[in-house]
C-alpha atoms as a PDB file:
ATOM      1  CA  UNK A   1      -5.796  15.599  -0.665  1.00  0.00           C
ATOM      2  CA  UNK A   2      -3.775  18.197   1.961  1.00  0.00           C
ATOM      3  CA  UNK A   3      -0.182  17.512   2.244  1.00  0.00           C
ATOM      4  CA  UNK A   4       0.259  15.562   5.771  1.00  0.00           C
ATOM      5  CA  UNK A   5       2.070  16.482   8.679  1.00  0.00           C
ATOM      6  CA  UNK A   6       3.404  15.245  12.187  1.00  0.00           C
ATOM      7  CA  UNK A   7       4.347  17.472  14.444  1.00  0.00           C
ATOM      8  CA  UNK A   8       5.953  16.050  17.560  1.00  0.00           C
ATOM      9  CA  UNK A   9       6.951  18.583  20.575  1.00  0.00           C
ATOM     10  CA  UNK A  10       6.342  18.310  24.232  1.00  0.00           C
ATOM     11  CA  UNK A  11       5.448  21.643  24.657  1.00  0.00           C
ATOM     12  CA  UNK A  12       1.326  21.984  24.167  1.00  0.00           C
ATOM     13  CA  UNK A  13       1.941  25.199  23.121  1.00  0.00           C
ATOM     14  CA  UNK A  14       4.145  24.577  20.536  1.00  0.00           C
ATOM     15  CA  UNK A  15       1.738  22.034  19.474  1.00  0.00           C
ATOM     16  CA  UNK A  16      -1.414  24.086  19.281  1.00  0.00           C
ATOM     17  CA  UNK A  17       1.213  27.105  17.389  1.00  0.00           C
ATOM     18  CA  UNK A  18       2.505  24.259  14.942  1.00  0.00           C
ATOM     19  CA  UNK A  19      -1.133  23.171  14.182  1.00  0.00           C
ATOM     20  CA  UNK A  20      -2.548  26.068  13.685  1.00  0.00           C
ATOM     21  CA  UNK A  21      -0.406  28.023  11.712  1.00  0.00           C
ATOM     22  CA  UNK A  22       0.516  24.957   9.228  1.00  0.00           C
ATOM     23  CA  UNK A  23      -3.422  24.443   9.533  1.00  0.00           C
ATOM     24  CA  UNK A  24      -3.903  27.764   8.234  1.00  0.00           C
ATOM     25  CA  UNK A  25      -0.907  26.897   5.053  1.00  0.00           C
ATOM     26  CA  UNK A  26      -3.257  24.181   3.876  1.00  0.00           C
ATOM     27  CA  UNK A  27      -2.095  21.411   5.827  1.00  0.00           C
ATOM     28  CA  UNK A  28      -3.243  18.747   7.394  1.00  0.00           C
ATOM     29  CA  UNK A  29      -1.381  18.319  10.564  1.00  0.00           C
ATOM     30  CA  UNK A  30      -1.184  15.621  13.216  1.00  0.00           C
ATOM     31  CA  UNK A  31       0.483  16.088  16.796  1.00  0.00           C
ATOM     32  CA  UNK A  32       2.047  14.037  19.455  1.00  0.00           C
ATOM     33  CA  UNK A  33       3.378  14.385  22.894  1.00  0.00           C
ATOM     34  CA  UNK A  34       7.025  12.035  23.323  1.00  0.00           C
ATOM     35  CA  UNK A  35       8.741  10.203  21.336  1.00  0.00           C
ATOM     36  CA  UNK A  36       7.078   6.474  21.691  1.00  0.00           C
ATOM     37  CA  UNK A  37       4.054   8.177  20.543  1.00  0.00           C
ATOM     38  CA  UNK A  38       5.769   9.804  17.576  1.00  0.00           C
ATOM     39  CA  UNK A  39       7.480   6.421  16.426  1.00  0.00           C
ATOM     40  CA  UNK A  40       4.229   4.260  16.603  1.00  0.00           C
ATOM     41  CA  UNK A  41       2.519   6.892  14.794  1.00  0.00           C
ATOM     42  CA  UNK A  42       5.590   7.921  12.384  1.00  0.00           C
ATOM     43  CA  UNK A  43       5.804   4.231  11.484  1.00  0.00           C
ATOM     44  CA  UNK A  44       2.268   4.220   9.517  1.00  0.00           C
ATOM     45  CA  UNK A  45       4.739   6.204   6.661  1.00  0.00           C
ATOM     46  CA  UNK A  46       1.652   8.059   6.487  1.00  0.00           C
ATOM     47  CA  UNK A  47       3.133  11.887   6.513  1.00  0.00           C
ATOM     48  CA  UNK A  48       4.363  13.697   4.114  1.00  0.00           C
ATOM     49  CA  UNK A  49       6.792  15.687   6.598  1.00  0.00           C
ATOM     50  CA  UNK A  50       7.701  14.905  10.241  1.00  0.00           C
ATOM     51  CA  UNK A  51       8.861  18.072  12.687  1.00  0.00           C
ATOM     52  CA  UNK A  52      10.717  16.297  15.104  1.00  0.00           C
ATOM     53  CA  UNK A  53      11.727  18.150  18.582  1.00  0.00           C
ATOM     54  CA  UNK A  54      14.559  16.165  19.806  1.00  0.00           C
ATOM     55  CA  UNK A  55      14.631  16.182  23.488  1.00  0.00           C
ATOM     56  CA  UNK A  56      11.267  14.411  24.228  1.00  0.00           C
ATOM     57  CA  UNK A  57      10.261  12.492  26.508  1.00  0.00           C
ATOM     58  CA  UNK A  58      10.481   8.558  26.273  1.00  0.00           C
ATOM     59  CA  UNK A  59      12.419   8.409  23.710  1.00  0.00           C
ATOM     60  CA  UNK A  60      14.743  11.064  22.221  1.00  0.00           C
ATOM     61  CA  UNK A  61      13.852  12.668  18.538  1.00  0.00           C
ATOM     62  CA  UNK A  62      17.858  11.458  17.675  1.00  0.00           C
ATOM     63  CA  UNK A  63      15.795   7.674  18.349  1.00  0.00           C
ATOM     64  CA  UNK A  64      13.162   8.133  17.102  1.00  0.00           C
ATOM     65  CA  UNK A  65      14.280   8.721  13.936  1.00  0.00           C
ATOM     66  CA  UNK A  66      17.256   6.270  13.749  1.00  0.00           C
ATOM     67  CA  UNK A  67      14.394   3.715  14.918  1.00  0.00           C
ATOM     68  CA  UNK A  68      12.617   5.214  11.229  1.00  0.00           C
ATOM     69  CA  UNK A  69      15.276   4.869   8.818  1.00  0.00           C
ATOM     70  CA  UNK A  70      15.729   1.404  10.206  1.00  0.00           C
ATOM     71  CA  UNK A  71      12.316   0.556   9.569  1.00  0.00           C
ATOM     72  CA  UNK A  72      12.983   1.834   5.927  1.00  0.00           C
ATOM     73  CA  UNK A  73      10.556   4.619   6.595  1.00  0.00           C
ATOM     74  CA  UNK A  74      11.888   7.335   4.405  1.00  0.00           C
ATOM     75  CA  UNK A  75       9.749  10.080   5.447  1.00  0.00           C
ATOM     76  CA  UNK A  76      11.241  13.672   5.538  1.00  0.00           C
ATOM     77  CA  UNK A  77      12.322  14.751   8.720  1.00  0.00           C
ATOM     78  CA  UNK A  78      12.528  18.434  10.100  1.00  0.00           C
ATOM     79  CA  UNK A  79      14.194  17.902  13.017  1.00  0.00           C
ATOM     80  CA  UNK A  80      13.449  21.127  15.692  1.00  0.00           C
ATOM     81  CA  UNK A  81      15.757  22.000  18.508  1.00  0.00           C
ATOM     82  CA  UNK A  82      17.153  24.520  21.175  1.00  0.00           C
ATOM     83  CA  UNK A  83      20.434  22.908  20.649  1.00  0.00           C
ATOM     84  CA  UNK A  84      22.173  24.477  18.404  1.00  0.00           C
ATOM     85  CA  UNK A  85      25.848  23.151  18.179  1.00  0.00           C
ATOM     86  CA  UNK A  86      27.357  22.045  14.859  1.00  0.00           C
ATOM     87  CA  UNK A  87      27.460  18.604  16.855  1.00  0.00           C
ATOM     88  CA  UNK A  88      24.319  18.102  17.368  1.00  0.00           C
ATOM     89  CA  UNK A  89      23.135  18.992  14.038  1.00  0.00           C
ATOM     90  CA  UNK A  90      25.970  17.065  11.800  1.00  0.00           C
ATOM     91  CA  UNK A  91      24.802  14.114  14.582  1.00  0.00           C
ATOM     92  CA  UNK A  92      21.049  14.430  13.176  1.00  0.00           C
ATOM     93  CA  UNK A  93      21.804  14.934   9.531  1.00  0.00           C
ATOM     94  CA  UNK A  94      24.448  11.868  10.274  1.00  0.00           C
ATOM     95  CA  UNK A  95      21.050   9.908  11.204  1.00  0.00           C
ATOM     96  CA  UNK A  96      18.945  10.105   8.179  1.00  0.00           C
ATOM     97  CA  UNK A  97      17.375  14.202   9.361  1.00  0.00           C
ATOM     98  CA  UNK A  98      16.423  16.248   5.627  1.00  0.00           C
ATOM     99  CA  UNK A  99      16.749  19.532   8.008  1.00  0.00           C
ATOM    100  CA  UNK A 100      17.759  21.025  11.032  1.00  0.00           C
ATOM    101  CA  UNK A 101      15.835  24.299  12.353  1.00  0.00           C
ATOM    102  CA  UNK A 102      17.124  26.260  15.455  1.00  0.00           C
ATOM    103  CA  UNK A 103      14.562  27.171  18.302  1.00  0.00           C
ATOM    104  CA  UNK A 104      13.714  30.032  18.544  1.00  0.00           C
ATOM    105  CA  UNK A 105      12.813  29.960  14.634  1.00  0.00           C
ATOM    106  CA  UNK A 106      11.207  31.655  12.171  1.00  0.00           C
ATOM    107  CA  UNK A 107       7.555  30.586  11.209  1.00  0.00           C
ATOM    108  CA  UNK A 108       8.018  31.639   7.713  1.00  0.00           C
ATOM    109  CA  UNK A 109      11.118  30.130   7.806  1.00  0.00           C
ATOM    110  CA  UNK A 110       9.484  26.940   9.111  1.00  0.00           C
ATOM    111  CA  UNK A 111       6.940  26.729   6.300  1.00  0.00           C
ATOM    112  CA  UNK A 112       9.761  27.282   3.507  1.00  0.00           C
ATOM    113  CA  UNK A 113      11.391  24.553   4.454  1.00  0.00           C
ATOM    114  CA  UNK A 114       8.447  22.124   5.204  1.00  0.00           C
ATOM    115  CA  UNK A 115       7.052  23.108   1.497  1.00  0.00           C
ATOM    116  CA  UNK A 116      10.828  22.435   0.024  1.00  0.00           C
ATOM    117  CA  UNK A 117      10.555  19.143   1.815  1.00  0.00           C
ATOM    118  CA  UNK A 118       7.407  18.833   0.189  1.00  0.00           C
ATOM    119  CA  UNK A 119       8.411  18.885  -3.261  1.00  0.00           C
ATOM    120  CA  UNK A 120      10.902  16.670  -2.845  1.00  0.00           C
ATOM    121  CA  UNK A 121       9.171  14.084  -1.377  1.00  0.00           C
ATOM    122  CA  UNK A 122       6.203  13.974  -3.843  1.00  0.00           C
ATOM    123  CA  UNK A 123       7.704  11.591  -6.015  1.00  0.00           C
ATOM    124  CA  UNK A 124       8.859   9.633  -2.935  1.00  0.00           C
ATOM    125  CA  UNK A 125       5.487   9.528  -1.577  1.00  0.00           C
ATOM    126  CA  UNK A 126       4.022   7.778  -4.591  1.00  0.00           C
ATOM    127  CA  UNK A 127       6.024   4.566  -3.585  1.00  0.00           C
ATOM    128  CA  UNK A 128       5.518   4.600  -0.267  1.00  0.00           C
ATOM    129  CA  UNK A 129       4.435   1.329   1.992  1.00  0.00           C
ATOM    130  CA  UNK A 130       1.833   2.496   4.306  1.00  0.00           C
ATOM    131  CA  UNK A 131       1.496   0.278   7.523  1.00  0.00           C
ATOM    132  CA  UNK A 132      -1.844   0.118   9.976  1.00  0.00           C
ATOM    133  CA  UNK A 133      -0.625  -2.863  12.916  1.00  0.00           C
ATOM    134  CA  UNK A 134      -0.780  -5.609  10.219  1.00  0.00           C
ATOM    135  CA  UNK A 135      -2.095  -3.984   7.600  1.00  0.00           C
ATOM    136  CA  UNK A 136       0.307  -3.015   4.443  1.00  0.00           C
ATOM    137  CA  UNK A 137      -0.847  -1.073   1.630  1.00  0.00           C
ATOM    138  CA  UNK A 138       2.062  -0.578  -1.124  1.00  0.00           C
ATOM    139  CA  UNK A 139       1.542   1.955  -3.371  1.00  0.00           C
ATOM    140  CA  UNK A 140       4.526   1.274  -5.415  1.00  0.00           C
ATOM    141  CA  UNK A 141       3.168  -2.534  -6.738  1.00  0.00           C
ATOM    142  CA  UNK A 142      -0.790  -0.922  -5.573  1.00  0.00           C
ATOM    143  CA  UNK A 143      -0.570  -4.591  -3.510  1.00  0.00           C
ATOM    144  CA  UNK A 144      -1.984  -4.936   0.130  1.00  0.00           C
ATOM    145  CA  UNK A 145      -1.118  -7.468   2.637  1.00  0.00           C
ATOM    146  CA  UNK A 146      -2.714  -8.541   5.903  1.00  0.00           C
ATOM    147  CA  UNK A 147      -0.250 -10.854   8.502  1.00  0.00           C
ATOM    148  CA  UNK A 148       1.519 -11.283   5.556  1.00  0.00           C
ATOM    149  CA  UNK A 149      -0.857 -12.783   3.398  1.00  0.00           C
ATOM    150  CA  UNK A 150      -2.083 -11.066   0.002  1.00  0.00           C
ATOM    151  CA  UNK A 151      -5.673  -9.187  -0.043  1.00  0.00           C
ATOM    152  CA  UNK A 152      -7.500  -9.240  -3.247  1.00  0.00           C
ATOM    153  CA  UNK A 153      -9.150  -5.765  -4.208  1.00  0.00           C
ATOM    154  CA  UNK A 154     -10.357  -4.261  -7.181  1.00  0.00           C
ATOM    155  CA  UNK A 155      -8.490  -0.987  -8.577  1.00  0.00           C
ATOM    156  CA  UNK A 156     -11.804   1.437  -7.249  1.00  0.00           C
ATOM    157  CA  UNK A 157     -11.441  -0.493  -3.607  1.00  0.00           C
ATOM    158  CA  UNK A 158      -7.574  -0.140  -3.742  1.00  0.00           C
ATOM    159  CA  UNK A 159      -7.959   3.827  -4.571  1.00  0.00           C
ATOM    160  CA  UNK A 160     -10.164   4.006  -1.474  1.00  0.00           C
ATOM    161  CA  UNK A 161      -8.032   1.744   0.832  1.00  0.00           C
ATOM    162  CA  UNK A 162      -4.808   4.349  -0.292  1.00  0.00           C
ATOM    163  CA  UNK A 163      -6.887   7.537   0.390  1.00  0.00           C
ATOM    164  CA  UNK A 164      -8.091   6.402   4.093  1.00  0.00           C
ATOM    165  CA  UNK A 165      -4.617   4.333   4.749  1.00  0.00           C
ATOM    166  CA  UNK A 166      -2.788   7.501   3.719  1.00  0.00           C
ATOM    167  CA  UNK A 167      -4.960   9.841   6.193  1.00  0.00           C
ATOM    168  CA  UNK A 168      -4.547   7.288   9.173  1.00  0.00           C
ATOM    169  CA  UNK A 169      -6.079   8.296  11.945  1.00  0.00           C
ATOM    170  CA  UNK A 170      -7.653  11.102  10.655  1.00  0.00           C
ATOM    171  CA  UNK A 171     -11.160  11.359   9.158  1.00  0.00           C
ATOM    172  CA  UNK A 172     -11.807  11.785   5.481  1.00  0.00           C
ATOM    173  CA  UNK A 173     -15.102  13.424   4.356  1.00  0.00           C
ATOM    174  CA  UNK A 174     -16.897  11.367   1.934  1.00  0.00           C
ATOM    175  CA  UNK A 175     -16.531  14.288  -0.977  1.00  0.00           C
ATOM    176  CA  UNK A 176     -12.651  14.060  -0.014  1.00  0.00           C
ATOM    177  CA  UNK A 177     -12.840  10.412  -0.655  1.00  0.00           C
ATOM    178  CA  UNK A 178     -15.153  11.167  -3.962  1.00  0.00           C
ATOM    179  CA  UNK A 179     -12.422  13.666  -5.053  1.00  0.00           C
ATOM    180  CA  UNK A 180      -9.364  11.230  -4.060  1.00  0.00           C
ATOM    181  CA  UNK A 181     -11.152   8.138  -5.677  1.00  0.00           C
ATOM    182  CA  UNK A 182     -13.318   9.545  -8.704  1.00  0.00           C
ATOM    183  CA  UNK A 183     -11.545  12.477  -9.388  1.00  0.00           C
ATOM    184  CA  UNK A 184     -14.256  14.785  -9.695  1.00  0.00           C
ATOM    185  CA  UNK A 185     -17.735  14.910  -7.104  1.00  0.00           C
ATOM    186  CA  UNK A 186     -19.822  15.370 -10.526  1.00  0.00           C
ATOM    187  CA  UNK A 187     -18.310  11.638 -11.836  1.00  0.00           C
ATOM    188  CA  UNK A 188     -19.801   9.671  -9.139  1.00  0.00           C
ATOM    189  CA  UNK A 189     -22.074  10.238  -5.792  1.00  0.00           C
ATOM    190  CA  UNK A 190     -21.699   9.998  -1.856  1.00  0.00           C
ATOM    191  CA  UNK A 191     -24.025   6.609  -2.358  1.00  0.00           C
ATOM    192  CA  UNK A 192     -20.754   5.136  -4.638  1.00  0.00           C
ATOM    193  CA  UNK A 193     -18.538   5.969  -1.814  1.00  0.00           C
ATOM    194  CA  UNK A 194     -20.163   4.304   0.603  1.00  0.00           C
ATOM    195  CA  UNK A 195     -20.617   1.158  -1.745  1.00  0.00           C
ATOM    196  CA  UNK A 196     -16.701   0.897  -2.169  1.00  0.00           C
ATOM    197  CA  UNK A 197     -16.160   1.262   1.478  1.00  0.00           C
ATOM    198  CA  UNK A 198     -18.853  -1.348   1.978  1.00  0.00           C
ATOM    199  CA  UNK A 199     -16.829  -3.660  -0.492  1.00  0.00           C
ATOM    200  CA  UNK A 200     -13.964  -2.561   1.052  1.00  0.00           C
ATOM    201  CA  UNK A 201     -15.456  -3.585   4.550  1.00  0.00           C
ATOM    202  CA  UNK A 202     -16.210  -7.356   3.631  1.00  0.00           C
ATOM    203  CA  UNK A 203     -12.701  -7.954   2.044  1.00  0.00           C
ATOM    204  CA  UNK A 204     -10.997  -6.682   5.277  1.00  0.00           C
ATOM    205  CA  UNK A 205     -13.686  -8.158   7.608  1.00  0.00           C
ATOM    206  CA  UNK A 206     -12.265 -11.203   5.722  1.00  0.00           C
ATOM    207  CA  UNK A 207      -9.252 -11.346   6.842  1.00  0.00           C
ATOM    208  CA  UNK A 208      -9.325 -10.577   9.985  1.00  0.00           C
ATOM    209  CA  UNK A 209      -9.029  -6.883   9.195  1.00  0.00           C
ATOM    210  CA  UNK A 210     -12.606  -5.661  10.039  1.00  0.00           C
ATOM    211  CA  UNK A 211     -11.578  -3.120  12.431  1.00  0.00           C
ATOM    212  CA  UNK A 212      -9.468  -0.885  10.446  1.00  0.00           C
ATOM    213  CA  UNK A 213     -12.149   0.933   8.702  1.00  0.00           C
ATOM    214  CA  UNK A 214     -14.608   2.827  10.927  1.00  0.00           C
ATOM    215  CA  UNK A 215     -17.499   5.314  10.180  1.00  0.00           C
ATOM    216  CA  UNK A 216     -17.451   8.364  11.803  1.00  0.00           C
ATOM    217  CA  UNK A 217     -21.314   9.228  11.280  1.00  0.00           C
ATOM    218  CA  UNK A 218     -21.840  12.805  10.630  1.00  0.00           C
ATOM    219  CA  UNK A 219     -18.226  13.510   9.245  1.00  0.00           C
ATOM    220  CA  UNK A 220     -16.771  10.387   7.203  1.00  0.00           C
ATOM    221  CA  UNK A 221     -14.726   7.477   7.545  1.00  0.00           C
ATOM    222  CA  UNK A 222     -11.357   6.614   9.315  1.00  0.00           C
ATOM    223  CA  UNK A 223      -8.380   3.915   9.170  1.00  0.00           C
ATOM    224  CA  UNK A 224      -6.900   3.537  12.269  1.00  0.00           C
ATOM    225  CA  UNK A 225      -5.807   0.984  15.142  1.00  0.00           C
ATOM    226  CA  UNK A 226      -5.679   1.378  18.600  1.00  0.00           C
ATOM    227  CA  UNK A 227      -1.976   1.648  18.560  1.00  0.00           C
ATOM    228  CA  UNK A 228      -2.093   4.208  16.368  1.00  0.00           C
ATOM    229  CA  UNK A 229      -5.330   6.417  17.982  1.00  0.00           C
ATOM    230  CA  UNK A 230      -3.228   6.237  21.456  1.00  0.00           C
ATOM    231  CA  UNK A 231      -0.056   7.587  19.610  1.00  0.00           C
ATOM    232  CA  UNK A 232      -1.795  10.669  18.250  1.00  0.00           C
ATOM    233  CA  UNK A 233      -2.622  13.316  20.338  1.00  0.00           C
ATOM    234  CA  UNK A 234      -6.801  12.865  21.429  1.00  0.00           C
ATOM    235  CA  UNK A 235      -7.341  16.865  21.602  1.00  0.00           C
ATOM    236  CA  UNK A 236      -6.417  17.423  17.920  1.00  0.00           C
ATOM    237  CA  UNK A 237      -8.671  17.983  15.782  1.00  0.00           C
ATOM    238  CA  UNK A 238     -10.469  14.696  14.291  1.00  0.00           C
END
């Protein structure tokens, strides 16, 4: 699966340019245009790197970062800002940022920093807790809870949920699920994907989480909530 990056910037041109550029570098890119939306999206814990502008409407990048760290979200954050003062950079790093890049910046340098963060965060990603509303997927313990109550899943059902929740708000194709869950498209068929998604849905339905896993006809499956839908820029490709 491609590394997942959240780009947060209030300038549409910057969001589009970074989305195009990082997608061309083989990354799965989601975008948000303001602080509250960025916080809602990032709290899912599903992003491998977050590019976070500081000057944002609604909630500054500093406050978004502070809230993420207070909630235990350890996703690597690269602050991106036109503010080039030493104090500004020190404040960001003290709040828990993993890097600071001053605008205007070289795209080549930005990609290098993102890749470095992806390498450093690879091990931590395997132990991350994913949160979609009241649904929690603990990758370290392979446990699932909804509204605090455990949800019993088979290993294969957990793998399907993990693949979908890890791309919360984005469509995952049947072929991508085959590769992520079975490891080889020859090891199973698309029909097996449909069967296991059905098993997973029934178990989520039973605990009141039935609306989280959705079918996107002609494309694949989507794990999301209304809050995640509202947080991510509706103009981005899905």
